[in-house]
N, C-alpha and C. Protein backbone atom coordinates (compact mmCIF):
# COMPACT_ATOMS: atom_id res chain seq x y z
N MET A 1 12.54 23.36 13.83
CA MET A 1 11.71 22.63 14.75
C MET A 1 11.05 23.64 15.69
N THR A 2 9.78 23.45 15.96
CA THR A 2 9.07 24.37 16.85
C THR A 2 9.50 24.15 18.29
N LYS A 3 9.15 25.11 19.14
CA LYS A 3 9.46 24.97 20.57
C LYS A 3 8.76 23.75 21.14
N ALA A 4 7.53 23.53 20.74
CA ALA A 4 6.77 22.38 21.25
C ALA A 4 7.45 21.07 20.84
N ALA A 5 7.85 20.98 19.58
CA ALA A 5 8.51 19.76 19.11
C ALA A 5 9.86 19.57 19.80
N SER A 6 10.57 20.66 20.01
CA SER A 6 11.86 20.58 20.70
C SER A 6 11.68 20.08 22.13
N LYS A 7 10.63 20.54 22.80
CA LYS A 7 10.34 20.10 24.17
C LYS A 7 10.01 18.60 24.18
N VAL A 8 9.18 18.18 23.23
CA VAL A 8 8.83 16.76 23.14
C VAL A 8 10.09 15.93 22.91
N LEU A 9 10.97 16.39 22.02
CA LEU A 9 12.20 15.67 21.75
C LEU A 9 13.07 15.57 22.99
N THR A 10 13.22 16.67 23.70
CA THR A 10 14.02 16.67 24.92
C THR A 10 13.46 15.67 25.93
N ASP A 11 12.13 15.69 26.10
CA ASP A 11 11.49 14.76 27.02
C ASP A 11 11.67 13.32 26.55
N ALA A 12 11.53 13.10 25.25
CA ALA A 12 11.65 11.75 24.71
C ALA A 12 13.06 11.20 24.89
N LEU A 13 14.06 12.05 24.72
CA LEU A 13 15.44 11.60 24.88
C LEU A 13 15.78 11.21 26.31
N ALA A 14 14.96 11.64 27.26
CA ALA A 14 15.16 11.27 28.67
C ALA A 14 14.58 9.89 28.99
N LEU A 15 13.81 9.32 28.06
CA LEU A 15 13.22 8.01 28.27
C LEU A 15 14.26 6.90 28.13
N MET A 16 13.91 5.74 28.64
CA MET A 16 14.76 4.56 28.48
C MET A 16 14.75 4.17 26.99
N PRO A 17 15.79 3.50 26.51
CA PRO A 17 15.87 3.16 25.08
C PRO A 17 14.63 2.40 24.57
N GLU A 18 14.12 1.45 25.33
CA GLU A 18 12.95 0.69 24.87
C GLU A 18 11.73 1.60 24.74
N GLU A 19 11.58 2.52 25.67
CA GLU A 19 10.46 3.47 25.61
C GLU A 19 10.61 4.39 24.40
N ARG A 20 11.84 4.81 24.10
CA ARG A 20 12.08 5.66 22.93
C ARG A 20 11.74 4.91 21.65
N MET A 21 12.10 3.62 21.59
CA MET A 21 11.79 2.84 20.40
C MET A 21 10.28 2.68 20.23
N ASP A 22 9.58 2.42 21.32
CA ASP A 22 8.12 2.32 21.25
C ASP A 22 7.51 3.63 20.78
N LEU A 23 8.00 4.74 21.33
CA LEU A 23 7.50 6.05 20.95
C LEU A 23 7.78 6.33 19.48
N ALA A 24 8.98 6.02 19.04
CA ALA A 24 9.34 6.24 17.63
C ALA A 24 8.45 5.42 16.70
N ALA A 25 8.19 4.17 17.08
CA ALA A 25 7.32 3.32 16.26
C ALA A 25 5.92 3.90 16.17
N GLU A 26 5.40 4.39 17.29
CA GLU A 26 4.07 4.98 17.29
C GLU A 26 4.03 6.27 16.47
N LEU A 27 5.07 7.09 16.57
CA LEU A 27 5.12 8.31 15.78
C LEU A 27 5.17 8.00 14.29
N LEU A 28 6.01 7.05 13.91
CA LEU A 28 6.09 6.67 12.50
C LEU A 28 4.76 6.11 12.00
N ALA A 29 4.14 5.28 12.81
CA ALA A 29 2.85 4.70 12.41
C ALA A 29 1.79 5.78 12.23
N SER A 30 1.90 6.86 13.00
CA SER A 30 0.89 7.92 12.91
C SER A 30 0.97 8.69 11.59
N VAL A 31 2.09 8.65 10.89
CA VAL A 31 2.22 9.36 9.62
C VAL A 31 2.37 8.41 8.43
N ASP A 32 2.34 7.13 8.73
CA ASP A 32 2.58 6.12 7.69
C ASP A 32 1.33 5.77 6.91
N GLY A 33 0.18 6.17 7.37
CA GLY A 33 -1.06 5.84 6.68
C GLY A 33 -1.61 4.53 7.20
N PRO A 34 -2.70 4.10 6.61
CA PRO A 34 -3.34 2.87 7.11
C PRO A 34 -2.46 1.65 6.87
N ALA A 35 -2.60 0.69 7.77
CA ALA A 35 -1.82 -0.55 7.66
C ALA A 35 -2.24 -1.33 6.42
N ASP A 36 -1.28 -1.95 5.78
CA ASP A 36 -1.54 -2.78 4.61
C ASP A 36 -1.91 -4.18 5.10
N PRO A 37 -3.12 -4.65 4.84
CA PRO A 37 -3.53 -5.95 5.35
C PRO A 37 -2.73 -7.11 4.75
N ASP A 38 -2.10 -6.88 3.61
CA ASP A 38 -1.32 -7.94 2.96
C ASP A 38 0.12 -7.98 3.44
N TRP A 39 0.51 -7.01 4.27
CA TRP A 39 1.91 -6.89 4.68
C TRP A 39 2.38 -8.11 5.46
N GLU A 40 1.67 -8.49 6.51
CA GLU A 40 2.15 -9.57 7.37
C GLU A 40 2.29 -10.90 6.63
N PRO A 41 1.27 -11.32 5.87
CA PRO A 41 1.46 -12.59 5.12
C PRO A 41 2.60 -12.51 4.10
N ALA A 42 2.75 -11.35 3.46
CA ALA A 42 3.83 -11.20 2.47
C ALA A 42 5.18 -11.26 3.15
N TRP A 43 5.31 -10.63 4.31
CA TRP A 43 6.59 -10.63 5.03
C TRP A 43 6.89 -12.03 5.54
N GLN A 44 5.88 -12.75 6.04
CA GLN A 44 6.09 -14.11 6.51
C GLN A 44 6.54 -15.01 5.36
N ALA A 45 5.95 -14.83 4.19
CA ALA A 45 6.36 -15.61 3.02
C ALA A 45 7.81 -15.31 2.65
N GLU A 46 8.20 -14.04 2.74
CA GLU A 46 9.59 -13.67 2.44
C GLU A 46 10.54 -14.28 3.46
N LEU A 47 10.17 -14.24 4.73
CA LEU A 47 11.02 -14.86 5.77
C LEU A 47 11.17 -16.36 5.53
N ASP A 48 10.06 -17.02 5.19
CA ASP A 48 10.11 -18.46 4.90
C ASP A 48 11.01 -18.74 3.70
N ARG A 49 10.91 -17.89 2.66
CA ARG A 49 11.74 -18.07 1.46
C ARG A 49 13.21 -17.92 1.81
N ARG A 50 13.54 -16.90 2.61
CA ARG A 50 14.94 -16.67 2.98
C ARG A 50 15.47 -17.79 3.86
N ALA A 51 14.65 -18.27 4.79
CA ALA A 51 15.08 -19.37 5.66
C ALA A 51 15.33 -20.63 4.84
N ALA A 52 14.45 -20.92 3.89
CA ALA A 52 14.63 -22.10 3.04
C ALA A 52 15.89 -21.97 2.19
N ALA A 53 16.13 -20.77 1.65
CA ALA A 53 17.33 -20.54 0.84
C ALA A 53 18.58 -20.71 1.69
N SER A 54 18.53 -20.24 2.91
CA SER A 54 19.68 -20.38 3.81
C SER A 54 19.92 -21.84 4.17
N ASP A 55 18.84 -22.58 4.40
CA ASP A 55 18.97 -23.99 4.77
C ASP A 55 19.58 -24.83 3.64
N THR A 56 19.30 -24.46 2.40
CA THR A 56 19.79 -25.26 1.27
C THR A 56 21.10 -24.74 0.69
N SER A 57 21.57 -23.61 1.18
CA SER A 57 22.79 -23.01 0.64
C SER A 57 24.03 -23.74 1.16
N SER A 58 24.99 -23.92 0.28
CA SER A 58 26.26 -24.52 0.69
C SER A 58 27.26 -23.44 1.12
N THR A 59 26.90 -22.18 0.90
CA THR A 59 27.75 -21.06 1.30
C THR A 59 27.46 -20.70 2.75
N PRO A 60 28.47 -20.64 3.59
CA PRO A 60 28.22 -20.28 4.99
C PRO A 60 27.79 -18.81 5.08
N PRO A 61 26.96 -18.49 6.06
CA PRO A 61 26.53 -17.10 6.20
C PRO A 61 27.71 -16.20 6.56
N ALA A 62 27.60 -14.94 6.18
CA ALA A 62 28.67 -13.98 6.48
C ALA A 62 28.69 -13.69 7.97
N GLU A 63 29.87 -13.41 8.48
CA GLU A 63 30.02 -13.02 9.88
C GLU A 63 29.42 -11.63 10.06
N TRP A 64 28.83 -11.37 11.23
CA TRP A 64 28.22 -10.07 11.50
C TRP A 64 29.23 -8.94 11.32
N SER A 65 30.45 -9.13 11.74
CA SER A 65 31.44 -8.06 11.62
C SER A 65 31.66 -7.68 10.15
N GLU A 66 31.61 -8.67 9.25
CA GLU A 66 31.76 -8.39 7.83
C GLU A 66 30.55 -7.65 7.28
N VAL A 67 29.37 -8.10 7.67
CA VAL A 67 28.14 -7.47 7.20
C VAL A 67 28.09 -6.03 7.69
N ARG A 68 28.39 -5.82 8.97
CA ARG A 68 28.36 -4.48 9.55
C ARG A 68 29.34 -3.55 8.82
N ALA A 69 30.54 -4.03 8.57
CA ALA A 69 31.54 -3.22 7.88
C ALA A 69 31.06 -2.85 6.47
N ARG A 70 30.44 -3.80 5.78
CA ARG A 70 29.93 -3.56 4.43
C ARG A 70 28.83 -2.49 4.45
N VAL A 71 27.92 -2.60 5.43
CA VAL A 71 26.84 -1.62 5.55
C VAL A 71 27.41 -0.23 5.86
N LEU A 72 28.36 -0.17 6.78
CA LEU A 72 28.94 1.12 7.15
C LEU A 72 29.67 1.75 5.97
N ARG A 73 30.37 0.93 5.17
CA ARG A 73 31.04 1.47 3.97
C ARG A 73 30.02 2.04 3.00
N LYS A 74 28.93 1.32 2.81
CA LYS A 74 27.90 1.77 1.88
C LYS A 74 27.27 3.07 2.37
N LEU A 75 27.00 3.16 3.65
CA LEU A 75 26.43 4.38 4.21
C LEU A 75 27.40 5.56 4.09
N ALA A 76 28.69 5.29 4.30
CA ALA A 76 29.69 6.35 4.22
C ALA A 76 29.86 6.88 2.81
N SER A 77 29.56 6.05 1.81
CA SER A 77 29.76 6.48 0.42
C SER A 77 28.59 7.31 -0.11
N ARG A 78 27.56 7.49 0.67
CA ARG A 78 26.39 8.26 0.21
C ARG A 78 26.60 9.73 0.34
């Protein structure tokens, strides 16, 4: 990492968490390329599909503690 980048990182880490998240989102967007115009409608359709599937499911949703543990195990195995 260059001195300039290290300085920016040090300054960024001094920001409040919400400011850091906004900064991170802007930085990622700056290297992500142009926005996909079909993204938002596609994501909304996926959210609607998942909500409908959840509403009609007879299986209760998993507890957050179980989901978190499963994700952490998967990350640890990489």
